[in-house]
């Protein structure tokens, strides 16, 4: 993966990183155990299922928006119908 803060935050130690084309060449020619690659793949799949899924992402955005308007998670937004009446 490209060596940047976003990839490192998500992949952590479960990837090899490159910054230049020379790094890519080195990674291609470097022998990495298939067992290690399989472990990395399984860990990254687990992250996708448990951390980077749409439910978690939507919930995180909802919490962020509620905080932005000064509400807590357990507070209910007023219904637009009640505001009109």
N, C-alpha and C. Protein backbone atom coordinates (compact mmCIF):
# COMPACT_ATOMS: atom_id res chain seq x y z
N UNK A 1 0.85 -1.17 0.00
CA UNK A 1 0.00 0.00 0.00
C UNK A 1 0.89 1.24 0.00
N UNK A 2 0.37 2.30 -0.57
CA UNK A 2 1.14 3.55 -0.56
C UNK A 2 1.33 3.99 0.89
N UNK A 3 2.52 4.45 1.21
CA UNK A 3 2.89 4.84 2.57
C UNK A 3 2.32 6.23 2.87
N UNK A 4 1.11 6.25 3.41
CA UNK A 4 0.51 7.52 3.83
C UNK A 4 -0.29 7.28 5.10
N UNK A 5 -0.64 8.37 5.76
CA UNK A 5 -1.31 8.29 7.07
C UNK A 5 -2.62 7.53 7.01
N UNK A 6 -3.37 7.67 5.91
CA UNK A 6 -4.67 7.01 5.80
C UNK A 6 -4.51 5.50 5.70
N UNK A 7 -3.63 5.04 4.81
CA UNK A 7 -3.41 3.61 4.66
C UNK A 7 -2.84 3.00 5.94
N UNK A 8 -1.90 3.72 6.57
CA UNK A 8 -1.30 3.18 7.80
C UNK A 8 -2.31 3.11 8.92
N UNK A 9 -3.24 4.07 8.98
CA UNK A 9 -4.26 4.05 10.01
C UNK A 9 -5.17 2.84 9.85
N UNK A 10 -5.51 2.50 8.63
CA UNK A 10 -6.42 1.39 8.37
C UNK A 10 -5.70 0.05 8.38
N UNK A 11 -4.58 -0.04 7.69
CA UNK A 11 -3.90 -1.33 7.54
C UNK A 11 -2.93 -1.66 8.67
N UNK A 12 -2.40 -0.66 9.32
CA UNK A 12 -1.45 -0.90 10.40
C UNK A 12 -0.30 -1.78 9.95
N UNK A 13 -0.07 -2.85 10.69
CA UNK A 13 1.03 -3.78 10.36
C UNK A 13 0.61 -4.86 9.36
N UNK A 14 -0.61 -4.74 8.85
CA UNK A 14 -1.13 -5.78 7.96
C UNK A 14 -0.92 -5.45 6.49
N UNK A 15 0.18 -4.78 6.18
CA UNK A 15 0.50 -4.46 4.79
C UNK A 15 1.99 -4.13 4.68
N UNK A 16 2.47 -4.18 3.45
CA UNK A 16 3.80 -3.65 3.14
C UNK A 16 3.56 -2.30 2.47
N UNK A 17 4.45 -1.36 2.73
CA UNK A 17 4.26 0.01 2.25
C UNK A 17 5.35 0.41 1.28
N UNK A 18 4.99 1.30 0.35
CA UNK A 18 5.95 1.84 -0.59
C UNK A 18 5.76 3.35 -0.71
N UNK A 19 6.83 4.03 -1.09
CA UNK A 19 6.75 5.46 -1.39
C UNK A 19 7.27 5.75 -2.80
N UNK A 20 8.16 4.92 -3.29
CA UNK A 20 8.73 5.15 -4.63
C UNK A 20 8.57 3.89 -5.49
N UNK A 21 8.82 4.03 -6.77
CA UNK A 21 8.76 2.87 -7.66
C UNK A 21 9.85 1.86 -7.30
N UNK A 22 10.94 2.33 -6.73
CA UNK A 22 12.00 1.41 -6.29
C UNK A 22 11.50 0.54 -5.14
N UNK A 23 10.71 1.15 -4.26
CA UNK A 23 10.13 0.38 -3.15
C UNK A 23 9.21 -0.72 -3.68
N UNK A 24 8.42 -0.40 -4.70
CA UNK A 24 7.51 -1.39 -5.28
C UNK A 24 8.30 -2.55 -5.86
N UNK A 25 9.35 -2.23 -6.60
CA UNK A 25 10.20 -3.27 -7.18
C UNK A 25 10.75 -4.17 -6.07
N UNK A 26 11.24 -3.56 -5.01
CA UNK A 26 11.78 -4.33 -3.89
C UNK A 26 10.71 -5.23 -3.28
N UNK A 27 9.50 -4.71 -3.08
CA UNK A 27 8.43 -5.50 -2.48
C UNK A 27 8.03 -6.67 -3.37
N UNK A 28 8.04 -6.45 -4.68
CA UNK A 28 7.68 -7.53 -5.61
C UNK A 28 8.70 -8.66 -5.54
N UNK A 29 9.95 -8.29 -5.44
CA UNK A 29 11.02 -9.29 -5.45
C UNK A 29 11.30 -9.89 -4.07
N UNK A 30 10.82 -9.22 -3.04
CA UNK A 30 11.04 -9.71 -1.68
C UNK A 30 10.15 -10.92 -1.45
N UNK A 31 10.70 -11.92 -0.82
CA UNK A 31 9.91 -13.11 -0.52
C UNK A 31 9.15 -12.90 0.77
N UNK A 32 7.84 -12.88 0.68
CA UNK A 32 6.99 -12.78 1.87
C UNK A 32 6.23 -14.09 1.99
N UNK A 33 6.27 -14.66 3.15
CA UNK A 33 5.63 -15.94 3.40
C UNK A 33 4.15 -15.87 3.06
N UNK A 34 3.65 -16.92 2.41
CA UNK A 34 2.22 -16.97 2.09
C UNK A 34 1.39 -17.06 3.36
N UNK A 35 1.98 -17.62 4.43
CA UNK A 35 1.28 -17.67 5.71
C UNK A 35 1.08 -16.27 6.26
N UNK A 36 2.12 -15.43 6.18
CA UNK A 36 2.01 -14.05 6.65
C UNK A 36 1.00 -13.30 5.80
N UNK A 37 1.05 -13.48 4.49
CA UNK A 37 0.09 -12.79 3.61
C UNK A 37 -1.33 -13.23 3.91
N UNK A 38 -1.54 -14.50 4.18
CA UNK A 38 -2.88 -15.00 4.50
C UNK A 38 -3.36 -14.41 5.83
N UNK A 39 -2.48 -14.33 6.80
CA UNK A 39 -2.84 -13.73 8.09
C UNK A 39 -3.21 -12.26 7.92
N UNK A 40 -2.43 -11.55 7.12
CA UNK A 40 -2.73 -10.13 6.86
C UNK A 40 -4.08 -9.99 6.16
N UNK A 41 -4.31 -10.84 5.18
CA UNK A 41 -5.57 -10.77 4.44
C UNK A 41 -6.75 -11.02 5.38
N UNK A 42 -6.65 -12.04 6.22
CA UNK A 42 -7.73 -12.35 7.15
C UNK A 42 -7.96 -11.21 8.14
N UNK A 43 -6.89 -10.61 8.62
CA UNK A 43 -7.03 -9.49 9.56
C UNK A 43 -7.67 -8.28 8.88
N UNK A 44 -7.29 -8.01 7.64
CA UNK A 44 -7.89 -6.89 6.91
C UNK A 44 -9.37 -7.15 6.61
N UNK A 45 -9.73 -8.38 6.31
CA UNK A 45 -11.14 -8.72 6.11
C UNK A 45 -11.93 -8.54 7.40
N UNK A 46 -11.33 -8.92 8.51
CA UNK A 46 -11.98 -8.73 9.81
C UNK A 46 -12.23 -7.25 10.07
N UNK A 47 -11.23 -6.41 9.76
CA UNK A 47 -11.39 -4.96 9.95
C UNK A 47 -12.54 -4.42 9.11
N UNK A 48 -12.64 -4.88 7.89
CA UNK A 48 -13.73 -4.42 7.01
C UNK A 48 -15.07 -4.80 7.61
N UNK A 49 -15.20 -6.05 8.07
CA UNK A 49 -16.47 -6.52 8.64
C UNK A 49 -16.82 -5.81 9.94
N UNK A 50 -15.84 -5.62 10.82
CA UNK A 50 -16.12 -5.15 12.16
C UNK A 50 -15.94 -3.64 12.36
N UNK A 51 -15.09 -3.02 11.58
CA UNK A 51 -14.78 -1.61 11.82
C UNK A 51 -15.24 -0.72 10.67
N UNK A 52 -14.87 -1.08 9.46
CA UNK A 52 -15.12 -0.21 8.30
C UNK A 52 -16.34 -0.70 7.52
N UNK A 53 -17.46 -0.85 8.21
CA UNK A 53 -18.69 -1.25 7.53
C UNK A 53 -19.66 -0.07 7.55
N UNK A 54 -20.68 -0.12 6.72
CA UNK A 54 -21.57 1.02 6.56
C UNK A 54 -22.33 1.36 7.83
N UNK A 55 -22.71 0.38 8.62
CA UNK A 55 -23.41 0.68 9.88
C UNK A 55 -22.52 1.51 10.80
N UNK A 56 -21.29 1.10 10.97
CA UNK A 56 -20.37 1.86 11.83
C UNK A 56 -20.10 3.25 11.27
N UNK A 57 -19.91 3.34 9.96
CA UNK A 57 -19.64 4.63 9.34
C UNK A 57 -20.84 5.57 9.49
N UNK A 58 -22.05 5.06 9.21
CA UNK A 58 -23.26 5.89 9.34
C UNK A 58 -23.46 6.32 10.79
N UNK A 59 -23.24 5.41 11.74
CA UNK A 59 -23.38 5.76 13.16
C UNK A 59 -22.37 6.82 13.57
N UNK A 60 -21.15 6.72 13.09
CA UNK A 60 -20.13 7.71 13.42
C UNK A 60 -20.51 9.09 12.86
N UNK A 61 -21.02 9.12 11.63
CA UNK A 61 -21.47 10.39 11.06
C UNK A 61 -22.65 10.96 11.82
N UNK A 62 -23.57 10.10 12.23
CA UNK A 62 -24.73 10.57 12.99
C UNK A 62 -24.28 11.20 14.31
N UNK A 63 -23.37 10.55 15.02
CA UNK A 63 -22.85 11.09 16.27
C UNK A 63 -22.17 12.43 16.05
N UNK A 64 -21.39 12.51 14.97
CA UNK A 64 -20.69 13.75 14.64
C UNK A 64 -21.69 14.88 14.37
N UNK A 65 -22.74 14.60 13.60
CA UNK A 65 -23.74 15.62 13.28
C UNK A 65 -24.52 16.04 14.52
N UNK A 66 -24.86 15.08 15.38
CA UNK A 66 -25.57 15.42 16.61
C UNK A 66 -24.71 16.32 17.50
N UNK A 67 -23.42 15.99 17.62
CA UNK A 67 -22.52 16.84 18.40
C UNK A 67 -22.41 18.23 17.77
N UNK A 68 -22.40 18.28 16.45
CA UNK A 68 -22.26 19.56 15.75
C UNK A 68 -23.44 20.49 16.03
N UNK A 69 -24.63 19.92 16.26
CA UNK A 69 -25.80 20.75 16.55
C UNK A 69 -26.10 20.80 18.05
N UNK A 70 -25.20 20.27 18.85
CA UNK A 70 -25.31 20.39 20.29
C UNK A 70 -26.19 19.37 20.98
N UNK A 71 -26.47 18.26 20.33
CA UNK A 71 -27.28 17.21 20.95
C UNK A 71 -26.40 16.05 21.36
N UNK A 72 -26.87 15.30 22.34
CA UNK A 72 -26.20 14.07 22.74
C UNK A 72 -26.82 12.92 21.97
N UNK A 73 -26.11 11.78 21.96
CA UNK A 73 -26.58 10.61 21.20
C UNK A 73 -27.99 10.18 21.57
N UNK A 74 -28.32 10.26 22.85
CA UNK A 74 -29.62 9.74 23.28
C UNK A 74 -30.74 10.78 23.18
N UNK A 75 -30.43 12.01 22.78
CA UNK A 75 -31.46 13.03 22.61
C UNK A 75 -32.15 12.83 21.26
N UNK A 76 -33.44 13.08 21.25
CA UNK A 76 -34.22 12.89 20.03
C UNK A 76 -34.39 14.24 19.34
N UNK A 77 -34.20 14.24 18.05
CA UNK A 77 -34.43 15.47 17.28
C UNK A 77 -35.93 15.74 17.22
N UNK A 78 -36.34 17.00 17.28
CA UNK A 78 -37.77 17.29 17.15
C UNK A 78 -38.28 16.94 15.77
N UNK A 79 -39.47 16.44 15.72
CA UNK A 79 -40.09 16.08 14.45
C UNK A 79 -40.46 17.33 13.68
N UNK A 80 -40.19 17.39 12.37
CA UNK A 80 -40.60 18.56 11.59
C UNK A 80 -42.10 18.81 11.68
N UNK A 81 -42.89 17.76 11.80
CA UNK A 81 -44.36 17.91 11.87
C UNK A 81 -44.73 18.64 13.17
N UNK A 82 -44.00 18.36 14.27
CA UNK A 82 -44.30 19.03 15.54
C UNK A 82 -43.90 20.49 15.49
N UNK A 83 -42.89 20.83 14.73
CA UNK A 83 -42.45 22.22 14.65
C UNK A 83 -43.46 23.06 13.88
N UNK A 84 -44.11 22.49 12.90
CA UNK A 84 -45.07 23.22 12.07
C UNK A 84 -46.37 23.46 12.84
N UNK A 85 -46.78 22.49 13.65
CA UNK A 85 -48.07 22.59 14.35
C UNK A 85 -48.10 23.64 15.41
